[in-house]
Amino acid sequence: MSNKPPRPFAGFEWAIAWRYLRARRAEGGVSVMTWISLIGIALAVFAMISTMAVRSGFRADFTATILGANAHVTIYEVNYTDEGVRRGIIAYPEMVANVAAVKGVTRVAPIIRGQVMASSSSRNTGVEVYGETLDDLRTLPLVANPEASSGSLDDFGDGGIAMGSGVARTLGLRVGDFVTLISPDGVKTPFGTSPRINDYKIAYIFQVGRSDIDRTRIYMPFAEAQSFFNREGTADELEIAVANPETVDDMRLTLIEAAGQRVVIWTWRDASGAFLRALRPRRRGHGGG
């Protein structure tokens, strides 16, 4: 006698199912209840599969948008000075070279970051400025190849900046217009620090499809951002992209060893973990707890 388990939907299983689905007149009540149960279970399974498919699709789309416009890993350095704790990478060219040599790293870009007030006519809005070189900006997929855009990245630099579509809409600006950026951390004088106010021509407007990016982000040439935010000779952070973002946590130690012991690492999972956990199907554990 064979111990081989029966194949799924074997003949005797069909026979048992057919026995209860096709009852005689005297057993009609059993047949009706069986059909109701079958339809109910089928609808419940369909609803569960549809919900999981929608959640999985939304998660994949959400993750793709995150990774297309943001760093997979951000590295910044903490230094202790007479003035207190100071963030900033002085030897950033060497750090870029060391991190770029790590297996699995596909992109490394030094950046300057700062929050300023953007103004046009009587309209104002708070924005976050990213200082990057043109070559580095071209390697950001959703900025270089967004859902929609106007202008050209070729005009980025020499006073030209890139702006999210939401910022442009709020301020009522188009490509070729000028925007005023106001930073409270400006020129240091004997009487204190005066705000720095500069006008910049809009060279490129992009729309990546996420309001938190389109409505808040401006890209400025790296050297100009260093001057505007008083960061001459330094970078605030390193923006890193890796070949497999899902395994970025496994690269933490290697990246720290390459960058130096005083660095702090922040991954895309750290930044968006709450959203991703909410979209991940939950598994019930077995046993207590």
C-alpha atoms as a PDB file:
ATOM      1  CA  MET A   1       0.000   0.000   0.000  1.00  0.00           C
ATOM      2  CA  SER A   2       1.435   3.388  -1.020  1.00  0.00           C
ATOM      3  CA  ASN A   3       2.070   6.091   1.614  1.00  0.00           C
ATOM      4  CA  LYS A   4       2.016   8.802  -1.032  1.00  0.00           C
ATOM      5  CA  PRO A   5      -0.400  11.591  -0.015  1.00  0.00           C
ATOM      6  CA  PRO A   6      -3.365  12.144  -2.311  1.00  0.00           C
ATOM      7  CA  ARG A   7      -3.075  14.916  -4.869  1.00  0.00           C
ATOM      8  CA  PRO A   8      -5.131  18.113  -4.325  1.00  0.00           C
ATOM      9  CA  PHE A   9      -8.754  17.833  -5.385  1.00  0.00           C
ATOM     10  CA  ALA A  10      -8.597  14.055  -5.665  1.00  0.00           C
ATOM     11  CA  GLY A  11     -11.569  12.083  -6.931  1.00  0.00           C
ATOM     12  CA  PHE A  12     -12.966  11.224  -3.515  1.00  0.00           C
ATOM     13  CA  GLU A  13     -12.865  14.897  -2.484  1.00  0.00           C
ATOM     14  CA  TRP A  14     -14.940  15.847  -5.516  1.00  0.00           C
ATOM     15  CA  ALA A  15     -17.345  13.006  -4.683  1.00  0.00           C
ATOM     16  CA  ILE A  16     -17.853  14.229  -1.102  1.00  0.00           C
ATOM     17  CA  ALA A  17     -18.331  17.842  -2.263  1.00  0.00           C
ATOM     18  CA  TRP A  18     -20.812  16.797  -4.937  1.00  0.00           C
ATOM     19  CA  ARG A  19     -22.707  14.675  -2.402  1.00  0.00           C
ATOM     20  CA  TYR A  20     -23.514  17.744  -0.266  1.00  0.00           C
ATOM     21  CA  LEU A  21     -24.020  20.186  -3.108  1.00  0.00           C
ATOM     22  CA  ARG A  22     -26.494  17.909  -4.980  1.00  0.00           C
ATOM     23  CA  ALA A  23     -28.871  16.737  -2.257  1.00  0.00           C
ATOM     24  CA  ARG A  24     -32.194  14.947  -2.655  1.00  0.00           C
ATOM     25  CA  ARG A  25     -35.493  16.769  -2.087  1.00  0.00           C
ATOM     26  CA  ALA A  26     -35.683  15.577   1.525  1.00  0.00           C
ATOM     27  CA  GLU A  27     -32.217  17.046   2.161  1.00  0.00           C
ATOM     28  CA  GLY A  28     -32.832  20.326   0.338  1.00  0.00           C
ATOM     29  CA  GLY A  29     -32.159  22.403   3.450  1.00  0.00           C
ATOM     30  CA  VAL A  30     -28.676  20.929   3.770  1.00  0.00           C
ATOM     31  CA  SER A  31     -27.950  21.695   0.111  1.00  0.00           C
ATOM     32  CA  VAL A  32     -29.080  25.325   0.453  1.00  0.00           C
ATOM     33  CA  MET A  33     -26.927  25.871   3.556  1.00  0.00           C
ATOM     34  CA  THR A  34     -23.981  24.265   1.777  1.00  0.00           C
ATOM     35  CA  TRP A  35     -24.315  26.603  -1.199  1.00  0.00           C
ATOM     36  CA  ILE A  36     -24.637  29.651   1.105  1.00  0.00           C
ATOM     37  CA  SER A  37     -21.517  28.578   2.992  1.00  0.00           C
ATOM     38  CA  LEU A  38     -19.606  28.003  -0.245  1.00  0.00           C
ATOM     39  CA  ILE A  39     -20.537  31.400  -1.678  1.00  0.00           C
ATOM     40  CA  GLY A  40     -19.741  33.136   1.629  1.00  0.00           C
ATOM     41  CA  ILE A  41     -16.298  31.543   1.873  1.00  0.00           C
ATOM     42  CA  ALA A  42     -15.571  32.356  -1.796  1.00  0.00           C
ATOM     43  CA  LEU A  43     -16.514  36.025  -1.293  1.00  0.00           C
ATOM     44  CA  ALA A  44     -14.422  36.267   1.873  1.00  0.00           C
ATOM     45  CA  VAL A  45     -11.368  34.774   0.156  1.00  0.00           C
ATOM     46  CA  PHE A  46     -11.868  37.075  -2.858  1.00  0.00           C
ATOM     47  CA  ALA A  47     -12.086  40.134  -0.571  1.00  0.00           C
ATOM     48  CA  MET A  48      -8.941  39.087   1.334  1.00  0.00           C
ATOM     49  CA  ILE A  49      -6.923  38.469  -1.840  1.00  0.00           C
ATOM     50  CA  SER A  50      -8.100  41.759  -3.388  1.00  0.00           C
ATOM     51  CA  THR A  51      -7.208  43.721  -0.236  1.00  0.00           C
ATOM     52  CA  MET A  52      -3.743  42.158  -0.020  1.00  0.00           C
ATOM     53  CA  ALA A  53      -3.139  42.808  -3.727  1.00  0.00           C
ATOM     54  CA  VAL A  54      -4.110  46.481  -3.362  1.00  0.00           C
ATOM     55  CA  ARG A  55      -1.899  46.887  -0.291  1.00  0.00           C
ATOM     56  CA  SER A  56       1.039  45.157  -1.978  1.00  0.00           C
ATOM     57  CA  GLY A  57       0.638  47.289  -5.102  1.00  0.00           C
ATOM     58  CA  PHE A  58       0.372  50.506  -3.104  1.00  0.00           C
ATOM     59  CA  ARG A  59       3.417  49.530  -1.046  1.00  0.00           C
ATOM     60  CA  ALA A  60       5.446  48.831  -4.198  1.00  0.00           C
ATOM     61  CA  ASP A  61       4.399  52.160  -5.744  1.00  0.00           C
ATOM     62  CA  PHE A  62       5.042  54.055  -2.503  1.00  0.00           C
ATOM     63  CA  THR A  63       8.470  52.455  -2.115  1.00  0.00           C
ATOM     64  CA  ALA A  64       9.392  53.211  -5.738  1.00  0.00           C
ATOM     65  CA  THR A  65       8.492  56.876  -5.228  1.00  0.00           C
ATOM     66  CA  ILE A  66      10.543  57.064  -2.031  1.00  0.00           C
ATOM     67  CA  LEU A  67      13.592  55.514  -3.656  1.00  0.00           C
ATOM     68  CA  GLY A  68      13.272  57.552  -6.830  1.00  0.00           C
ATOM     69  CA  ALA A  69      13.641  60.953  -5.189  1.00  0.00           C
ATOM     70  CA  ASN A  70      15.374  60.276  -1.879  1.00  0.00           C
ATOM     71  CA  ALA A  71      18.591  58.722  -0.691  1.00  0.00           C
ATOM     72  CA  HIS A  72      18.579  55.052   0.230  1.00  0.00           C
ATOM     73  CA  VAL A  73      21.106  55.916   2.951  1.00  0.00           C
ATOM     74  CA  THR A  74      22.096  59.263   4.432  1.00  0.00           C
ATOM     75  CA  ILE A  75      25.397  59.662   6.260  1.00  0.00           C
ATOM     76  CA  TYR A  76      26.294  62.664   8.367  1.00  0.00           C
ATOM     77  CA  GLU A  77      29.183  63.329  10.697  1.00  0.00           C
ATOM     78  CA  VAL A  78      29.023  64.666  14.244  1.00  0.00           C
ATOM     79  CA  ASN A  79      31.920  66.824  15.445  1.00  0.00           C
ATOM     80  CA  TYR A  80      32.447  68.291  18.895  1.00  0.00           C
ATOM     81  CA  THR A  81      33.876  71.821  18.879  1.00  0.00           C
ATOM     82  CA  ASP A  82      34.290  74.669  21.372  1.00  0.00           C
ATOM     83  CA  GLU A  83      30.923  75.940  20.165  1.00  0.00           C
ATOM     84  CA  GLY A  84      29.235  72.601  20.892  1.00  0.00           C
ATOM     85  CA  VAL A  85      28.047  69.763  18.675  1.00  0.00           C
ATOM     86  CA  ARG A  86      28.373  70.551  14.983  1.00  0.00           C
ATOM     87  CA  ARG A  87      27.187  68.527  12.015  1.00  0.00           C
ATOM     88  CA  GLY A  88      29.231  68.799   8.867  1.00  0.00           C
ATOM     89  CA  ILE A  89      31.669  66.772   6.789  1.00  0.00           C
ATOM     90  CA  ILE A  90      34.930  68.595   6.165  1.00  0.00           C
ATOM     91  CA  ALA A  91      36.826  65.879   4.275  1.00  0.00           C
ATOM     92  CA  TYR A  92      33.801  64.968   2.178  1.00  0.00           C
ATOM     93  CA  PRO A  93      35.720  64.229  -1.088  1.00  0.00           C
ATOM     94  CA  GLU A  94      37.670  61.461   0.675  1.00  0.00           C
ATOM     95  CA  MET A  95      34.546  60.117   2.348  1.00  0.00           C
ATOM     96  CA  VAL A  96      32.717  60.063  -0.998  1.00  0.00           C
ATOM     97  CA  ALA A  97      35.549  58.033  -2.536  1.00  0.00           C
ATOM     98  CA  ASN A  98      35.652  55.551   0.360  1.00  0.00           C
ATOM     99  CA  VAL A  99      31.888  54.997   0.421  1.00  0.00           C
ATOM    100  CA  ALA A 100      31.671  54.723  -3.378  1.00  0.00           C
ATOM    101  CA  ALA A 101      34.141  51.821  -3.207  1.00  0.00           C
ATOM    102  CA  VAL A 102      31.774  49.750  -1.027  1.00  0.00           C
ATOM    103  CA  LYS A 103      30.273  46.811  -2.891  1.00  0.00           C
ATOM    104  CA  GLY A 104      26.618  47.443  -3.714  1.00  0.00           C
ATOM    105  CA  VAL A 105      26.815  51.260  -3.602  1.00  0.00           C
ATOM    106  CA  THR A 106      25.700  52.810  -6.896  1.00  0.00           C
ATOM    107  CA  ARG A 107      25.601  56.513  -6.083  1.00  0.00           C
ATOM    108  CA  VAL A 108      27.245  58.877  -3.571  1.00  0.00           C
ATOM    109  CA  ALA A 109      26.602  62.622  -3.559  1.00  0.00           C
ATOM    110  CA  PRO A 110      27.604  65.288  -1.030  1.00  0.00           C
ATOM    111  CA  ILE A 111      24.715  67.642  -0.295  1.00  0.00           C
ATOM    112  CA  ILE A 112      23.880  70.828   1.555  1.00  0.00           C
ATOM    113  CA  ARG A 113      20.473  71.037   3.257  1.00  0.00           C
ATOM    114  CA  GLY A 114      18.679  74.008   4.731  1.00  0.00           C
ATOM    115  CA  GLN A 115      15.215  75.367   5.381  1.00  0.00           C
ATOM    116  CA  VAL A 116      14.381  78.835   4.078  1.00  0.00           C
ATOM    117  CA  MET A 117      11.466  81.075   3.193  1.00  0.00           C
ATOM    118  CA  ALA A 118      10.639  81.280  -0.510  1.00  0.00           C
ATOM    119  CA  SER A 119       8.883  84.453  -1.620  1.00  0.00           C
ATOM    120  CA  SER A 120       7.303  85.821  -4.791  1.00  0.00           C
ATOM    121  CA  SER A 121       5.268  89.017  -4.903  1.00  0.00           C
ATOM    122  CA  SER A 122       2.927  88.722  -1.911  1.00  0.00           C
ATOM    123  CA  ARG A 123       3.171  84.934  -1.568  1.00  0.00           C
ATOM    124  CA  ASN A 124       5.462  83.061   0.803  1.00  0.00           C
ATOM    125  CA  THR A 125       6.072  79.445   1.711  1.00  0.00           C
ATOM    126  CA  GLY A 126       8.606  77.430   3.655  1.00  0.00           C
ATOM    127  CA  VAL A 127      10.836  75.166   1.570  1.00  0.00           C
ATOM    128  CA  GLU A 128      13.756  72.802   2.023  1.00  0.00           C
ATOM    129  CA  VAL A 129      16.772  73.491  -0.152  1.00  0.00           C
ATOM    130  CA  TYR A 130      19.074  70.706  -1.329  1.00  0.00           C
ATOM    131  CA  GLY A 131      22.457  71.753  -2.664  1.00  0.00           C
ATOM    132  CA  GLU A 132      23.756  69.277  -5.275  1.00  0.00           C
ATOM    133  CA  THR A 133      25.907  69.377  -8.359  1.00  0.00           C
ATOM    134  CA  LEU A 134      24.245  69.035 -11.750  1.00  0.00           C
ATOM    135  CA  ASP A 135      25.912  65.655 -12.356  1.00  0.00           C
ATOM    136  CA  ASP A 136      24.571  64.309  -9.048  1.00  0.00           C
ATOM    137  CA  LEU A 137      21.096  65.718  -9.675  1.00  0.00           C
ATOM    138  CA  ARG A 138      20.924  63.913 -13.020  1.00  0.00           C
ATOM    139  CA  THR A 139      21.301  60.599 -11.173  1.00  0.00           C
ATOM    140  CA  LEU A 140      18.117  61.107  -9.122  1.00  0.00           C
ATOM    141  CA  PRO A 141      15.563  59.142 -11.192  1.00  0.00           C
ATOM    142  CA  LEU A 142      12.343  60.947 -10.261  1.00  0.00           C
ATOM    143  CA  VAL A 143      13.921  64.395 -10.532  1.00  0.00           C
ATOM    144  CA  ALA A 144      15.753  63.808 -13.805  1.00  0.00           C
ATOM    145  CA  ASN A 145      12.798  61.849 -15.259  1.00  0.00           C
ATOM    146  CA  PRO A 146       9.701  62.957 -13.331  1.00  0.00           C
ATOM    147  CA  GLU A 147       5.999  62.458 -14.043  1.00  0.00           C
ATOM    148  CA  ALA A 148       5.898  65.958 -15.526  1.00  0.00           C
ATOM    149  CA  SER A 149       8.386  68.774 -15.915  1.00  0.00           C
ATOM    150  CA  SER A 150       9.039  72.098 -17.584  1.00  0.00           C
ATOM    151  CA  GLY A 151      12.296  73.791 -18.406  1.00  0.00           C
ATOM    152  CA  SER A 152      15.590  71.913 -18.636  1.00  0.00           C
ATOM    153  CA  LEU A 153      18.127  70.564 -16.187  1.00  0.00           C
ATOM    154  CA  ASP A 154      20.814  71.816 -18.595  1.00  0.00           C
ATOM    155  CA  ASP A 155      20.084  75.326 -17.298  1.00  0.00           C
ATOM    156  CA  PHE A 156      20.597  74.274 -13.661  1.00  0.00           C
ATOM    157  CA  GLY A 157      23.519  76.282 -12.282  1.00  0.00           C
ATOM    158  CA  ASP A 158      24.804  79.806 -12.916  1.00  0.00           C
ATOM    159  CA  GLY A 159      21.952  81.180 -10.825  1.00  0.00           C
ATOM    160  CA  GLY A 160      19.384  78.677 -12.068  1.00  0.00           C
ATOM    161  CA  ILE A 161      17.601  76.369  -9.614  1.00  0.00           C
ATOM    162  CA  ALA A 162      15.153  73.441  -9.782  1.00  0.00           C
ATOM    163  CA  MET A 163      11.800  73.627  -7.998  1.00  0.00           C
ATOM    164  CA  GLY A 164       8.980  71.251  -7.133  1.00  0.00           C
ATOM    165  CA  SER A 165       5.695  71.836  -8.957  1.00  0.00           C
ATOM    166  CA  GLY A 166       3.823  72.392  -5.684  1.00  0.00           C
ATOM    167  CA  VAL A 167       6.206  75.177  -4.659  1.00  0.00           C
ATOM    168  CA  ALA A 168       5.860  76.816  -8.064  1.00  0.00           C
ATOM    169  CA  ARG A 169       2.054  76.574  -7.895  1.00  0.00           C
ATOM    170  CA  THR A 170       1.914  78.041  -4.376  1.00  0.00           C
ATOM    171  CA  LEU A 171       4.109  80.976  -5.377  1.00  0.00           C
ATOM    172  CA  GLY A 172       2.534  81.414  -8.818  1.00  0.00           C
ATOM    173  CA  LEU A 173       5.841  80.957 -10.644  1.00  0.00           C
ATOM    174  CA  ARG A 174       6.926  79.485 -13.972  1.00  0.00           C
ATOM    175  CA  VAL A 175      10.220  78.608 -15.633  1.00  0.00           C
ATOM    176  CA  GLY A 176      12.169  81.815 -16.232  1.00  0.00           C
ATOM    177  CA  ASP A 177      10.676  83.644 -13.235  1.00  0.00           C
ATOM    178  CA  PHE A 178      12.709  84.646 -10.193  1.00  0.00           C
ATOM    179  CA  VAL A 179      12.140  83.465  -6.623  1.00  0.00           C
ATOM    180  CA  THR A 180      13.510  85.126  -3.495  1.00  0.00           C
ATOM    181  CA  LEU A 181      15.045  82.835  -0.875  1.00  0.00           C
ATOM    182  CA  ILE A 182      15.446  84.184   2.649  1.00  0.00           C
ATOM    183  CA  SER A 183      17.671  82.455   5.212  1.00  0.00           C
ATOM    184  CA  PRO A 184      17.869  83.667   8.827  1.00  0.00           C
ATOM    185  CA  ASP A 185      21.413  82.289   9.060  1.00  0.00           C
ATOM    186  CA  GLY A 186      23.031  84.873   6.847  1.00  0.00           C
ATOM    187  CA  VAL A 187      25.910  87.299   7.008  1.00  0.00           C
ATOM    188  CA  LYS A 188      27.685  87.625  10.378  1.00  0.00           C
ATOM    189  CA  THR A 189      28.331  91.252  11.352  1.00  0.00           C
ATOM    190  CA  PRO A 190      29.617  92.970  14.504  1.00  0.00           C
ATOM    191  CA  PHE A 191      25.974  93.647  15.329  1.00  0.00           C
ATOM    192  CA  GLY A 192      24.836  90.046  14.912  1.00  0.00           C
ATOM    193  CA  THR A 193      23.675  87.857  12.048  1.00  0.00           C
ATOM    194  CA  SER A 194      21.585  89.456   9.355  1.00  0.00           C
ATOM    195  CA  PRO A 195      19.277  87.429   7.095  1.00  0.00           C
ATOM    196  CA  ARG A 196      20.610  86.427   3.695  1.00  0.00           C
ATOM    197  CA  ILE A 197      18.267  87.302   0.804  1.00  0.00           C
ATOM    198  CA  ASN A 198      19.059  86.166  -2.733  1.00  0.00           C
ATOM    199  CA  ASP A 199      17.067  85.955  -5.956  1.00  0.00           C
ATOM    200  CA  TYR A 200      17.324  82.885  -8.187  1.00  0.00           C
ATOM    201  CA  LYS A 201      16.033  82.141 -11.655  1.00  0.00           C
ATOM    202  CA  ILE A 202      13.845  79.043 -12.013  1.00  0.00           C
ATOM    203  CA  ALA A 203      15.442  76.777 -14.614  1.00  0.00           C
ATOM    204  CA  TYR A 204      13.491  73.571 -14.053  1.00  0.00           C
ATOM    205  CA  ILE A 205      10.167  72.578 -12.453  1.00  0.00           C
ATOM    206  CA  PHE A 206       9.528  68.898 -11.661  1.00  0.00           C
ATOM    207  CA  GLN A 207       6.579  66.852 -10.424  1.00  0.00           C
ATOM    208  CA  VAL A 208       7.418  63.475  -8.875  1.00  0.00           C
ATOM    209  CA  GLY A 209       3.926  62.659  -7.576  1.00  0.00           C
ATOM    210  CA  ARG A 210       4.497  63.068  -3.822  1.00  0.00           C
ATOM    211  CA  SER A 211       3.191  66.204  -2.181  1.00  0.00           C
ATOM    212  CA  ASP A 212       5.853  66.182   0.543  1.00  0.00           C
ATOM    213  CA  ILE A 213       8.467  66.541  -2.219  1.00  0.00           C
ATOM    214  CA  ASP A 214       6.657  68.591  -4.859  1.00  0.00           C
ATOM    215  CA  ARG A 215       5.392  71.165  -2.336  1.00  0.00           C
ATOM    216  CA  THR A 216       8.572  71.640  -0.298  1.00  0.00           C
ATOM    217  CA  ARG A 217      11.712  70.942  -2.290  1.00  0.00           C
ATOM    218  CA  ILE A 218      14.126  73.188  -4.166  1.00  0.00           C
ATOM    219  CA  TYR A 219      17.471  72.104  -5.619  1.00  0.00           C
ATOM    220  CA  MET A 220      20.338  74.608  -5.723  1.00  0.00           C
ATOM    221  CA  PRO A 221      23.839  74.175  -7.205  1.00  0.00           C
ATOM    222  CA  PHE A 222      26.170  72.729  -4.585  1.00  0.00           C
ATOM    223  CA  ALA A 223      28.728  75.567  -4.565  1.00  0.00           C
ATOM    224  CA  GLU A 224      25.978  78.195  -4.366  1.00  0.00           C
ATOM    225  CA  ALA A 225      24.337  76.339  -1.481  1.00  0.00           C
ATOM    226  CA  GLN A 226      27.656  76.250   0.383  1.00  0.00           C
ATOM    227  CA  SER A 227      27.875  80.032   0.109  1.00  0.00           C
ATOM    228  CA  PHE A 228      24.195  80.695   0.849  1.00  0.00           C
ATOM    229  CA  PHE A 229      24.175  78.585   4.027  1.00  0.00           C
ATOM    230  CA  ASN A 230      27.704  79.483   5.219  1.00  0.00           C
ATOM    231  CA  ARG A 231      29.016  75.963   4.596  1.00  0.00           C
ATOM    232  CA  GLU A 232      32.173  76.854   2.662  1.00  0.00           C
ATOM    233  CA  GLY A 233      34.495  73.851   2.417  1.00  0.00           C
ATOM    234  CA  THR A 234      32.042  71.378   3.945  1.00  0.00           C
ATOM    235  CA  ALA A 235      29.037  69.191   3.109  1.00  0.00           C
ATOM    236  CA  ASP A 236      26.132  68.541   5.423  1.00  0.00           C
ATOM    237  CA  GLU A 237      25.479  64.929   4.404  1.00  0.00           C
ATOM    238  CA  LEU A 238      26.198  62.206   1.901  1.00  0.00           C
ATOM    239  CA  GLU A 239      23.314  60.888  -0.203  1.00  0.00           C
ATOM    240  CA  ILE A 240      23.815  57.212  -1.033  1.00  0.00           C
ATOM    241  CA  ALA A 241      21.985  54.831  -3.364  1.00  0.00           C
ATOM    242  CA  VAL A 242      22.517  51.070  -3.309  1.00  0.00           C
ATOM    243  CA  ALA A 243      21.818  48.320  -5.814  1.00  0.00           C
ATOM    244  CA  ASN A 244      19.335  46.493  -3.552  1.00  0.00           C
ATOM    245  CA  PRO A 245      17.516  48.917  -1.202  1.00  0.00           C
ATOM    246  CA  GLU A 246      15.688  46.046   0.546  1.00  0.00           C
ATOM    247  CA  THR A 247      18.987  44.840   2.051  1.00  0.00           C
ATOM    248  CA  VAL A 248      20.239  48.258   3.100  1.00  0.00           C
ATOM    249  CA  ASP A 249      20.211  47.349   6.801  1.00  0.00           C
ATOM    250  CA  ASP A 250      22.792  44.626   6.147  1.00  0.00           C
ATOM    251  CA  MET A 251      25.196  47.272   4.811  1.00  0.00           C
ATOM    252  CA  ARG A 252      25.191  49.536   7.876  1.00  0.00           C
ATOM    253  CA  LEU A 253      28.412  48.231   9.421  1.00  0.00           C
ATOM    254  CA  THR A 254      30.288  48.223   6.116  1.00  0.00           C
ATOM    255  CA  LEU A 255      29.229  51.799   5.366  1.00  0.00           C
ATOM    256  CA  ILE A 256      30.255  52.993   8.837  1.00  0.00           C
ATOM    257  CA  GLU A 257      33.673  51.372   8.443  1.00  0.00           C
ATOM    258  CA  ALA A 258      34.126  53.104   5.090  1.00  0.00           C
ATOM    259  CA  ALA A 259      32.888  56.514   6.243  1.00  0.00           C
ATOM    260  CA  GLY A 260      34.457  56.688   9.700  1.00  0.00           C
ATOM    261  CA  GLN A 261      33.525  56.062  13.308  1.00  0.00           C
ATOM    262  CA  ARG A 262      32.014  59.506  13.963  1.00  0.00           C
ATOM    263  CA  VAL A 263      29.283  59.146  11.387  1.00  0.00           C
ATOM    264  CA  VAL A 264      25.579  58.491  11.864  1.00  0.00           C
ATOM    265  CA  ILE A 265      23.568  56.496   9.321  1.00  0.00           C
ATOM    266  CA  TRP A 266      19.905  57.059   8.472  1.00  0.00           C
ATOM    267  CA  THR A 267      18.229  54.736   5.946  1.00  0.00           C
ATOM    268  CA  TRP A 268      15.056  55.020   3.893  1.00  0.00           C
ATOM    269  CA  ARG A 269      13.510  52.399   6.184  1.00  0.00           C
ATOM    270  CA  ASP A 270      14.174  54.632   9.201  1.00  0.00           C
ATOM    271  CA  ALA A 271      12.511  57.564   7.464  1.00  0.00           C
ATOM    272  CA  SER A 272       9.435  55.710   6.165  1.00  0.00           C
ATOM    273  CA  GLY A 273       9.256  52.675   8.426  1.00  0.00           C
ATOM    274  CA  ALA A 274       5.884  53.566   9.946  1.00  0.00           C
ATOM    275  CA  PHE A 275       4.211  53.686   6.522  1.00  0.00           C
ATOM    276  CA  LEU A 276       5.831  50.448   5.383  1.00  0.00           C
ATOM    277  CA  ARG A 277       4.853  48.593   8.556  1.00  0.00           C
ATOM    278  CA  ALA A 278       1.257  49.720   8.128  1.00  0.00           C
ATOM    279  CA  LEU A 279       1.209  48.311   4.585  1.00  0.00           C
ATOM    280  CA  ARG A 280       2.891  45.015   5.463  1.00  0.00           C
ATOM    281  CA  PRO A 281       0.542  42.026   5.951  1.00  0.00           C
ATOM    282  CA  ARG A 282       0.613  40.940   9.586  1.00  0.00           C
ATOM    283  CA  ARG A 283       1.323  37.374  10.558  1.00  0.00           C
ATOM    284  CA  ARG A 284      -0.222  35.953  13.680  1.00  0.00           C
ATOM    285  CA  GLY A 285       2.222  34.160  15.932  1.00  0.00           C
ATOM    286  CA  HIS A 286       1.629  30.692  17.274  1.00  0.00           C
ATOM    287  CA  GLY A 287       1.423  30.018  20.944  1.00  0.00           C
ATOM    288  CA  GLY A 288       1.148  32.593  23.690  1.00  0.00           C
ATOM    289  CA  GLY A 289       1.936  36.326  23.489  1.00  0.00           C
END
